Amino acid sequence: MSTRVLPAVGDLDAARSITTLLSQLPDAEPAAPVGDSTTLLDTLARLAAESLDELPEVVLVHERIGPVPALELIREVALRFPAVGVVLVTVDASPGLYSAAMDSGARGLVGLPLSYEELAQRIQAAAGWSTGVRRHLGQGAETFTGPGGTVVTVCGAKGGVGTTVTAVQLALAAQASGRSVALADLDLQSGDVASYLDVQFRRSAADLAGIQDISPRVLQDALFAHHTGMGLLLAPAEGERGEEVDDRAVRQIVSALRNRYEVVVVDCGTQMHNANAAAVEMADIALLVTTPDVIAVRGAKRMVRLWDRLQIRKAEGTVAVVNRHNRATEIQPALIEKITGTRVARTTVPAAYKELQPVVDAGRMQDLEAKSTVKQALWALAGELGLVAEGENEQKQGRFRGDRGSVRVRRARSR
């Protein structure tokens, strides 16, 4: 039986060297190397959406892969695709790095320069482990892409377009359908989720920033248990504490939430920084909220271009949500789709702020009346995205999920 190996190597010379050596291994079936972490995760997600059996048995991760650091990438692959054996390729084969790689979920480590015997041994061991896991899962099992549920990030094209209202209502819709839901506020300096839900809190995302391994107990202590049943991870009350939450912390936070909840909705606000960009990178669905006016649409296009330049997310993998839609306006969803290059959700949200004003002023968004056209539209959007229990069939069809090859995100890193 052949062993499928997918190399993830950013350096061209190293990629050629690894590919050449892999082609000499007996029973090895090397795939074309992927050049960055985003492409690797996209490729694995696309294969997993087809079938568990489509995933490679072994993934080789080169130490100089980017933009996500190698150990963080290994952790992400291990969490989302536990039936794949990951092997780290590195110059530093010290016991310290070996231990760190194992803690991240690697199944082996190969030192550079590559040795035929060592590479063959590590790939064989990782492939054997992968085969055993798949046998345990069963040939007839459904596609398994790691523990946890769907992560949805909600970003705004500019301030005031309705980002937080959209995030809150999507979370409420998923919760009302019977799913376990977490709502995280990663608009770290000016997050308003607590204000919209009339919450007084002591702990926030900043309290998880310095923790290396977020256990269920630690996560529980940081979450606010809302009476609707949602778990809330709120932005710090002191905006300056938002700087404590970096991209590494967000990766661990989102992974911990994904492992515990079926749906994780993340309000990312309108400003991109390392932390919320990392959340967008990990998302299954990335929403970009805009209003049908020139300034907001320009802001949406600017955001899409920013994500593309920083390898955060491709335009065609972003779902634009048109808020305050009016058929009389000159800018319609089809035009927004053409301008931004995104996919526009079929469900648009009408311009009806008078319905929202009483609950917004009272800070009780959960009390918005069922007859509200805004609520009906946003809950319909939740169904369209497959976030509610009734939308399971649509979700499996991958209407807005599944093609992670085009919806993956890369954090905005400043070096």
Protein backbone atom coordinates (compact mmCIF):
# COMPACT_ATOMS: atom_id res chain seq x y z
CA MET A 1 0.00 0.00 0.00
CA SER A 2 1.43 3.40 -0.98
CA THR A 3 1.90 6.19 1.53
CA ARG A 4 0.73 9.62 0.43
CA VAL A 5 3.08 12.35 1.61
CA LEU A 6 2.36 16.07 1.36
CA PRO A 7 5.44 18.30 1.89
CA ALA A 8 4.93 21.83 3.21
CA VAL A 9 8.15 23.66 2.38
CA GLY A 10 8.60 27.38 1.85
CA ASP A 11 12.17 27.25 0.57
CA LEU A 12 12.42 26.23 -3.11
CA ASP A 13 15.78 24.50 -2.80
CA ALA A 14 14.62 22.55 0.24
CA ALA A 15 11.41 21.65 -1.58
CA ARG A 16 13.33 20.20 -4.51
CA SER A 17 15.63 18.27 -2.20
CA ILE A 18 12.77 16.80 -0.18
CA THR A 19 10.74 15.94 -3.28
CA THR A 20 13.70 14.18 -4.88
CA LEU A 21 14.36 12.10 -1.79
CA LEU A 22 10.69 11.25 -1.33
CA SER A 23 10.48 9.99 -4.90
CA GLN A 24 13.17 7.45 -4.04
CA LEU A 25 11.34 6.01 -1.05
CA PRO A 26 9.59 2.68 -1.68
CA ASP A 27 5.78 2.84 -1.62
CA ALA A 28 5.86 6.63 -1.14
CA GLU A 29 3.49 8.73 -3.20
CA PRO A 30 4.68 12.34 -2.78
CA ALA A 31 2.33 15.17 -3.71
CA ALA A 32 3.47 18.48 -5.12
CA PRO A 33 4.91 20.64 -2.31
CA VAL A 34 2.83 23.49 -0.91
CA GLY A 35 4.72 26.68 -0.24
CA ASP A 36 3.03 28.13 2.83
CA SER A 37 0.90 27.25 5.83
CA THR A 38 -2.25 28.77 4.36
CA THR A 39 -2.08 26.58 1.25
CA LEU A 40 -1.40 23.50 3.36
CA LEU A 41 -4.44 24.01 5.55
CA ASP A 42 -6.55 24.88 2.53
CA THR A 43 -5.49 21.70 0.76
CA LEU A 44 -6.15 19.47 3.75
CA ALA A 45 -9.56 21.05 4.31
CA ARG A 46 -10.53 20.56 0.68
CA LEU A 47 -9.47 16.90 0.74
CA ALA A 48 -11.21 16.29 4.05
CA ALA A 49 -14.43 17.78 2.68
CA GLU A 50 -14.40 15.07 0.01
CA SER A 51 -13.56 12.11 2.22
CA LEU A 52 -11.38 11.06 5.11
CA ASP A 53 -9.64 8.65 2.74
CA GLU A 54 -8.54 11.54 0.51
CA LEU A 55 -6.26 12.97 3.19
CA PRO A 56 -2.54 12.14 2.93
CA GLU A 57 -1.19 9.80 5.55
CA VAL A 58 1.83 12.02 6.25
CA VAL A 59 2.50 15.75 6.10
CA LEU A 60 6.10 17.00 6.21
CA VAL A 61 6.39 20.49 7.73
CA HIS A 62 9.64 22.35 7.10
CA GLU A 63 10.89 24.50 9.98
CA ARG A 64 10.95 27.63 7.79
CA ILE A 65 7.36 27.34 6.61
CA GLY A 66 5.33 30.52 6.92
CA PRO A 67 3.42 32.65 7.60
CA VAL A 68 2.33 30.48 10.57
CA PRO A 69 5.35 29.24 12.55
CA ALA A 70 6.04 25.53 12.15
CA LEU A 71 5.07 24.41 15.66
CA GLU A 72 1.84 26.41 15.59
CA LEU A 73 1.05 24.94 12.18
CA ILE A 74 1.66 21.42 13.48
CA ARG A 75 -0.69 22.09 16.38
CA GLU A 76 -3.38 23.33 14.00
CA VAL A 77 -3.06 20.31 11.70
CA ALA A 78 -3.10 17.92 14.65
CA LEU A 79 -6.26 19.52 16.04
CA ARG A 80 -8.18 19.73 12.80
CA PHE A 81 -6.93 16.61 11.03
CA PRO A 82 -5.99 14.10 13.72
CA ALA A 83 -5.84 11.23 11.22
CA VAL A 84 -2.84 12.82 9.52
CA GLY A 85 0.67 12.11 10.81
CA VAL A 86 2.85 15.23 10.89
CA VAL A 87 6.64 15.11 10.73
CA LEU A 88 8.79 18.19 11.39
CA VAL A 89 11.85 18.75 9.18
CA THR A 90 14.43 20.90 10.99
CA VAL A 91 18.11 21.68 11.39
CA ASP A 92 17.72 21.72 15.16
CA ALA A 93 17.17 18.13 16.27
CA SER A 94 17.77 18.91 19.95
CA PRO A 95 15.77 17.18 22.71
CA GLY A 96 14.11 20.52 23.53
CA LEU A 97 12.71 21.02 20.05
CA TYR A 98 11.79 17.34 19.82
CA SER A 99 9.76 17.67 23.02
CA ALA A 100 8.09 20.88 21.78
CA ALA A 101 7.22 19.22 18.47
CA MET A 102 5.68 16.22 20.25
CA ASP A 103 3.69 18.55 22.51
CA SER A 104 2.36 20.30 19.40
CA GLY A 105 1.16 17.01 17.95
CA ALA A 106 3.98 15.93 15.64
CA ARG A 107 4.55 12.20 15.11
CA GLY A 108 8.25 12.55 14.42
CA LEU A 109 11.19 14.81 13.66
CA VAL A 110 13.72 14.58 10.83
CA GLY A 111 17.02 16.44 10.99
CA LEU A 112 18.63 18.40 8.16
CA PRO A 113 20.49 17.59 6.03
CA LEU A 114 18.11 14.80 5.18
CA SER A 115 19.09 11.19 5.56
CA TYR A 116 17.37 8.60 3.39
CA GLU A 117 17.19 6.07 6.21
CA GLU A 118 15.91 8.52 8.81
CA LEU A 119 13.31 10.03 6.49
CA ALA A 120 12.04 6.59 5.48
CA GLN A 121 11.82 5.52 9.10
CA ARG A 122 9.92 8.60 10.25
CA ILE A 123 7.48 8.50 7.34
CA GLN A 124 6.85 4.82 7.86
CA ALA A 125 6.16 5.34 11.57
CA ALA A 126 3.84 8.31 10.96
CA ALA A 127 2.02 6.46 8.17
CA GLY A 128 1.51 3.42 10.38
CA TRP A 129 0.07 5.60 13.11
CA SER A 130 -2.22 7.36 10.62
CA THR A 131 -3.46 4.06 9.22
CA GLY A 132 -4.24 2.83 12.72
CA VAL A 133 -6.23 5.95 13.53
CA ARG A 134 -8.25 5.64 10.33
CA ARG A 135 -8.91 1.98 11.00
CA HIS A 136 -10.16 2.95 14.44
CA LEU A 137 -12.46 5.60 12.96
CA GLY A 138 -13.80 3.04 10.54
CA GLN A 139 -13.99 3.00 6.78
CA GLY A 140 -17.60 4.06 6.81
CA ALA A 141 -17.13 6.99 9.13
CA GLU A 142 -18.18 10.45 8.08
CA THR A 143 -15.55 12.98 7.15
CA PHE A 144 -13.65 13.89 10.28
CA THR A 145 -11.69 17.13 10.29
CA GLY A 146 -10.82 17.42 13.90
CA PRO A 147 -12.68 18.12 17.11
CA GLY A 148 -15.14 20.91 17.59
CA GLY A 149 -17.51 22.94 15.55
CA THR A 150 -17.80 25.77 13.07
CA VAL A 151 -15.90 29.03 13.58
CA VAL A 152 -17.48 32.11 12.01
CA THR A 153 -15.71 35.47 12.02
CA VAL A 154 -17.68 38.66 11.45
CA CYS A 155 -15.74 41.71 10.26
CA GLY A 156 -16.97 45.13 9.23
CA ALA A 157 -16.03 47.05 6.10
CA LYS A 158 -15.99 50.19 8.26
CA GLY A 159 -17.34 51.34 11.58
CA GLY A 160 -21.10 51.47 12.01
CA VAL A 161 -22.11 48.92 9.37
CA GLY A 162 -23.68 46.54 11.90
CA THR A 163 -20.87 44.09 12.61
CA THR A 164 -21.70 43.42 16.26
CA VAL A 165 -25.46 43.23 15.68
CA THR A 166 -24.81 40.64 12.97
CA ALA A 167 -22.49 38.59 15.19
CA VAL A 168 -24.85 38.65 18.16
CA GLN A 169 -27.93 37.66 16.16
CA LEU A 170 -26.11 34.84 14.34
CA ALA A 171 -25.01 33.46 17.71
CA LEU A 172 -28.53 33.79 19.14
CA ALA A 173 -30.00 32.01 16.11
CA ALA A 174 -27.59 29.09 16.44
CA GLN A 175 -28.25 28.86 20.19
CA ALA A 176 -32.03 28.92 19.69
CA SER A 177 -31.77 26.00 17.26
CA GLY A 178 -30.29 23.82 19.99
CA ARG A 179 -26.60 24.12 19.27
CA SER A 180 -23.96 24.97 21.85
CA VAL A 181 -22.62 28.42 21.02
CA ALA A 182 -19.75 30.66 22.07
CA LEU A 183 -19.65 34.34 21.14
CA ALA A 184 -16.18 35.86 21.33
CA ASP A 185 -15.49 39.59 21.14
CA LEU A 186 -12.08 40.15 19.55
CA ASP A 187 -12.67 43.81 18.82
CA LEU A 188 -10.18 44.12 21.64
CA GLN A 189 -10.04 47.88 22.14
CA SER A 190 -13.64 48.83 21.50
CA GLY A 191 -15.72 45.66 21.71
CA ASP A 192 -19.40 46.18 22.49
CA VAL A 193 -20.80 42.66 22.79
CA ALA A 194 -21.15 43.09 26.56
CA SER A 195 -23.07 46.35 26.06
CA TYR A 196 -25.42 44.80 23.50
CA LEU A 197 -26.26 41.94 25.87
CA ASP A 198 -26.32 43.97 29.13
CA VAL A 199 -23.48 42.01 30.71
CA GLN A 200 -21.39 43.01 33.71
CA PHE A 201 -18.18 40.99 33.69
CA ARG A 202 -14.82 40.63 35.41
CA ARG A 203 -12.85 38.31 33.12
CA SER A 204 -12.07 38.77 29.45
CA ALA A 205 -9.94 37.44 26.61
CA ALA A 206 -6.96 39.27 28.10
CA ASP A 207 -7.01 36.85 31.05
CA LEU A 208 -6.22 33.99 28.67
CA ALA A 209 -3.39 35.78 26.89
CA GLY A 210 -0.45 34.48 28.91
CA ILE A 211 -1.64 30.90 29.29
CA GLN A 212 0.28 28.35 27.23
CA ASP A 213 -2.27 25.55 27.42
CA ILE A 214 -5.90 26.56 27.90
CA SER A 215 -7.63 23.75 29.76
CA PRO A 216 -11.43 23.40 29.87
CA ARG A 217 -11.44 24.64 33.47
CA VAL A 218 -9.37 27.73 32.62
CA LEU A 219 -11.60 28.47 29.63
CA GLN A 220 -14.72 28.07 31.74
CA ASP A 221 -13.41 30.57 34.27
CA ALA A 222 -12.88 33.16 31.54
CA LEU A 223 -16.30 32.74 29.92
CA PHE A 224 -19.44 34.54 30.98
CA ALA A 225 -22.45 32.23 31.07
CA HIS A 226 -25.26 34.24 29.48
CA HIS A 227 -28.83 33.39 30.43
CA THR A 228 -29.61 32.54 26.80
CA GLY A 229 -27.19 29.62 27.12
CA MET A 230 -24.34 31.17 25.15
CA GLY A 231 -20.81 31.31 26.47
CA LEU A 232 -19.38 34.81 26.11
CA LEU A 233 -15.69 35.61 25.85
CA LEU A 234 -15.61 39.36 26.07
CA ALA A 235 -13.17 42.08 25.10
CA PRO A 236 -11.33 43.66 28.04
CA ALA A 237 -13.06 46.62 29.65
CA GLU A 238 -9.73 48.48 29.60
CA GLY A 239 -8.93 48.88 25.92
CA GLU A 240 -5.18 49.03 26.49
CA ARG A 241 -5.27 45.44 27.76
CA GLY A 242 -6.18 44.35 24.24
CA GLU A 243 -2.48 44.60 23.40
CA GLU A 244 -1.87 41.64 25.71
CA VAL A 245 -3.79 39.37 23.33
CA ASP A 246 -1.50 38.41 20.46
CA ASP A 247 -2.03 36.07 17.54
CA ARG A 248 -0.64 33.06 19.41
CA ALA A 249 -3.10 33.61 22.26
CA VAL A 250 -5.99 33.92 19.80
CA ARG A 251 -5.05 30.66 18.10
CA GLN A 252 -5.15 28.86 21.41
CA ILE A 253 -8.37 30.59 22.44
CA VAL A 254 -10.18 29.79 19.19
CA SER A 255 -8.96 26.19 19.26
CA ALA A 256 -10.18 25.81 22.85
CA LEU A 257 -13.59 27.28 21.97
CA ARG A 258 -13.86 25.12 18.84
CA ASN A 259 -13.19 22.02 20.90
CA ARG A 260 -16.02 22.80 23.29
CA TYR A 261 -18.76 24.43 21.22
CA GLU A 262 -20.59 23.47 18.06
CA VAL A 263 -20.66 27.06 16.80
CA VAL A 264 -18.14 29.79 17.61
CA VAL A 265 -19.02 33.30 16.41
CA VAL A 266 -16.19 35.85 16.62
CA ASP A 267 -16.79 39.59 16.39
CA CYS A 268 -13.57 40.94 14.85
CA GLY A 269 -14.64 44.57 14.53
CA THR A 270 -13.40 46.71 11.68
CA GLN A 271 -9.68 47.06 12.43
CA MET A 272 -7.27 44.26 11.50
CA HIS A 273 -4.41 43.43 13.84
CA ASN A 274 -2.43 40.29 14.56
CA ALA A 275 -4.95 38.90 17.01
CA ASN A 276 -8.23 39.09 15.11
CA ALA A 277 -6.50 38.31 11.81
CA ALA A 278 -5.40 35.02 13.36
CA ALA A 279 -9.04 34.31 14.18
CA VAL A 280 -10.04 34.98 10.59
CA GLU A 281 -7.32 32.60 9.47
CA MET A 282 -8.78 29.80 11.57
CA ALA A 283 -12.38 30.48 10.55
CA ASP A 284 -14.53 28.09 8.57
CA ILE A 285 -16.66 31.03 7.42
CA ALA A 286 -15.47 34.64 7.16
CA LEU A 287 -18.19 37.27 6.87
CA LEU A 288 -17.56 40.85 5.78
CA VAL A 289 -20.47 43.15 6.62
CA THR A 290 -21.07 46.19 4.46
CA THR A 291 -23.82 48.65 3.72
CA PRO A 292 -24.86 49.54 0.14
CA ASP A 293 -23.13 52.90 -0.03
CA VAL A 294 -19.97 54.02 -1.77
CA ILE A 295 -17.85 54.56 1.36
CA ALA A 296 -18.68 51.20 2.91
CA VAL A 297 -18.21 49.28 -0.34
CA ARG A 298 -14.84 50.96 -0.83
CA GLY A 299 -14.00 49.92 2.72
CA ALA A 300 -15.00 46.35 1.92
CA LYS A 301 -12.83 46.33 -1.19
CA ARG A 302 -9.94 47.78 0.81
CA MET A 303 -10.33 45.07 3.46
CA VAL A 304 -10.45 42.31 0.86
CA ARG A 305 -7.28 43.62 -0.78
CA LEU A 306 -5.58 43.87 2.61
CA TRP A 307 -6.41 40.24 3.38
CA ASP A 308 -5.11 39.17 0.01
CA ARG A 309 -1.81 41.07 0.34
CA LEU A 310 -1.20 39.68 3.79
CA GLN A 311 -2.24 36.18 2.71
CA ILE A 312 -5.16 36.37 5.09
CA ARG A 313 -8.00 35.28 2.83
CA LYS A 314 -8.84 35.28 -0.84
CA ALA A 315 -11.68 37.48 -1.99
CA GLU A 316 -13.69 34.63 -3.49
CA GLY A 317 -13.56 32.85 -0.14
CA THR A 318 -15.10 35.75 1.78
CA VAL A 319 -18.85 36.03 2.22
CA ALA A 320 -20.13 39.60 2.05
CA VAL A 321 -23.30 40.43 3.98
CA VAL A 322 -25.27 43.45 2.79
CA ASN A 323 -26.84 45.30 5.71
CA ARG A 324 -29.46 48.08 5.45
CA HIS A 325 -30.39 46.89 2.01
CA ASN A 326 -33.00 48.81 0.06
CA ARG A 327 -34.13 47.91 -3.44
CA ALA A 328 -34.23 51.60 -4.33
CA THR A 329 -30.51 52.14 -3.77
CA GLU A 330 -28.21 52.28 -6.74
CA ILE A 331 -25.69 49.86 -5.22
CA GLN A 332 -27.19 46.37 -5.19
CA PRO A 333 -25.66 43.06 -3.98
CA ALA A 334 -24.67 41.98 -7.50
CA LEU A 335 -22.63 45.16 -7.93
CA ILE A 336 -21.00 44.70 -4.51
CA GLU A 337 -20.03 41.17 -5.51
CA LYS A 338 -18.48 42.46 -8.72
CA ILE A 339 -16.59 45.31 -7.03
CA THR A 340 -15.20 43.33 -4.10
CA GLY A 341 -14.76 39.95 -5.78
CA THR A 342 -16.45 38.29 -2.80
CA ARG A 343 -19.46 36.03 -2.71
CA VAL A 344 -22.50 37.93 -1.46
CA ALA A 345 -24.93 36.11 0.78
CA ARG A 346 -28.35 35.60 -0.76
CA THR A 347 -29.95 36.89 2.42
CA THR A 348 -29.79 40.67 2.76
CA VAL A 349 -30.64 42.62 5.90
CA PRO A 350 -33.19 45.43 5.50
CA ALA A 351 -32.73 49.00 6.66
CA ALA A 352 -34.98 49.06 9.74
CA TYR A 353 -33.06 50.68 12.59
CA LYS A 354 -36.29 51.72 14.34
CA GLU A 355 -36.83 48.05 15.14
CA LEU A 356 -33.38 47.83 16.71
CA GLN A 357 -33.20 51.12 18.59
CA PRO A 358 -35.18 50.12 21.73
CA VAL A 359 -33.18 46.92 22.35
CA VAL A 360 -29.88 48.58 21.44
CA ASP A 361 -30.51 51.45 23.87
CA ALA A 362 -31.54 48.97 26.56
CA GLY A 363 -28.57 46.74 25.86
CA ARG A 364 -30.81 43.72 25.42
CA MET A 365 -30.31 42.52 21.86
CA GLN A 366 -31.60 39.10 22.87
CA ASP A 367 -35.06 40.66 23.38
CA LEU A 368 -35.47 41.77 19.77
CA GLU A 369 -38.98 40.78 18.72
CA ALA A 370 -39.45 37.77 16.47
CA LYS A 371 -41.48 39.86 14.02
CA SER A 372 -38.54 42.21 13.47
CA THR A 373 -37.52 42.12 9.81
CA VAL A 374 -33.88 42.58 10.85
CA LYS A 375 -34.01 39.57 13.16
CA GLN A 376 -35.80 37.47 10.57
CA ALA A 377 -33.16 38.32 7.98
CA LEU A 378 -30.19 37.62 10.26
CA TRP A 379 -31.66 34.33 11.48
CA ALA A 380 -32.32 33.39 7.85
CA LEU A 381 -28.67 34.21 7.17
CA ALA A 382 -27.69 31.84 9.99
CA GLY A 383 -29.70 29.13 8.26
CA GLU A 384 -28.11 29.93 4.90
CA LEU A 385 -24.66 29.56 6.46
CA GLY A 386 -25.56 26.24 8.08
CA LEU A 387 -25.25 27.53 11.65
CA VAL A 388 -28.67 26.36 12.83
CA ALA A 389 -29.57 22.74 13.41
CA GLU A 390 -32.17 22.78 10.64
CA GLY A 391 -29.44 23.71 8.16
CA GLU A 392 -27.39 20.55 8.55
CA ASN A 393 -28.10 19.32 5.04
CA GLU A 394 -27.14 22.64 3.52
CA GLN A 395 -24.00 22.71 5.62
CA LYS A 396 -22.92 19.30 4.37
CA GLN A 397 -23.34 20.54 0.84
CA GLY A 398 -20.69 23.13 1.68
CA ARG A 399 -22.63 26.16 0.54
CA PHE A 400 -20.30 28.59 2.26
CA ARG A 401 -18.13 26.13 4.14
CA GLY A 402 -15.82 23.38 3.06
CA ASP A 403 -13.74 25.05 0.36
CA ARG A 404 -11.10 26.10 2.79
CA GLY A 405 -8.77 26.31 -0.18
CA SER A 406 -10.21 29.73 -0.85
CA VAL A 407 -11.40 30.81 2.54
CA ARG A 408 -8.31 30.41 4.66
CA VAL A 409 -6.88 33.39 6.43
CA ARG A 410 -3.44 34.61 7.29
CA ARG A 411 -2.68 36.81 10.21
CA ALA A 412 -1.34 40.30 9.70
CA ARG A 413 2.15 40.09 11.09
CA SER A 414 4.48 43.03 11.47
CA ARG A 415 8.12 42.17 11.66
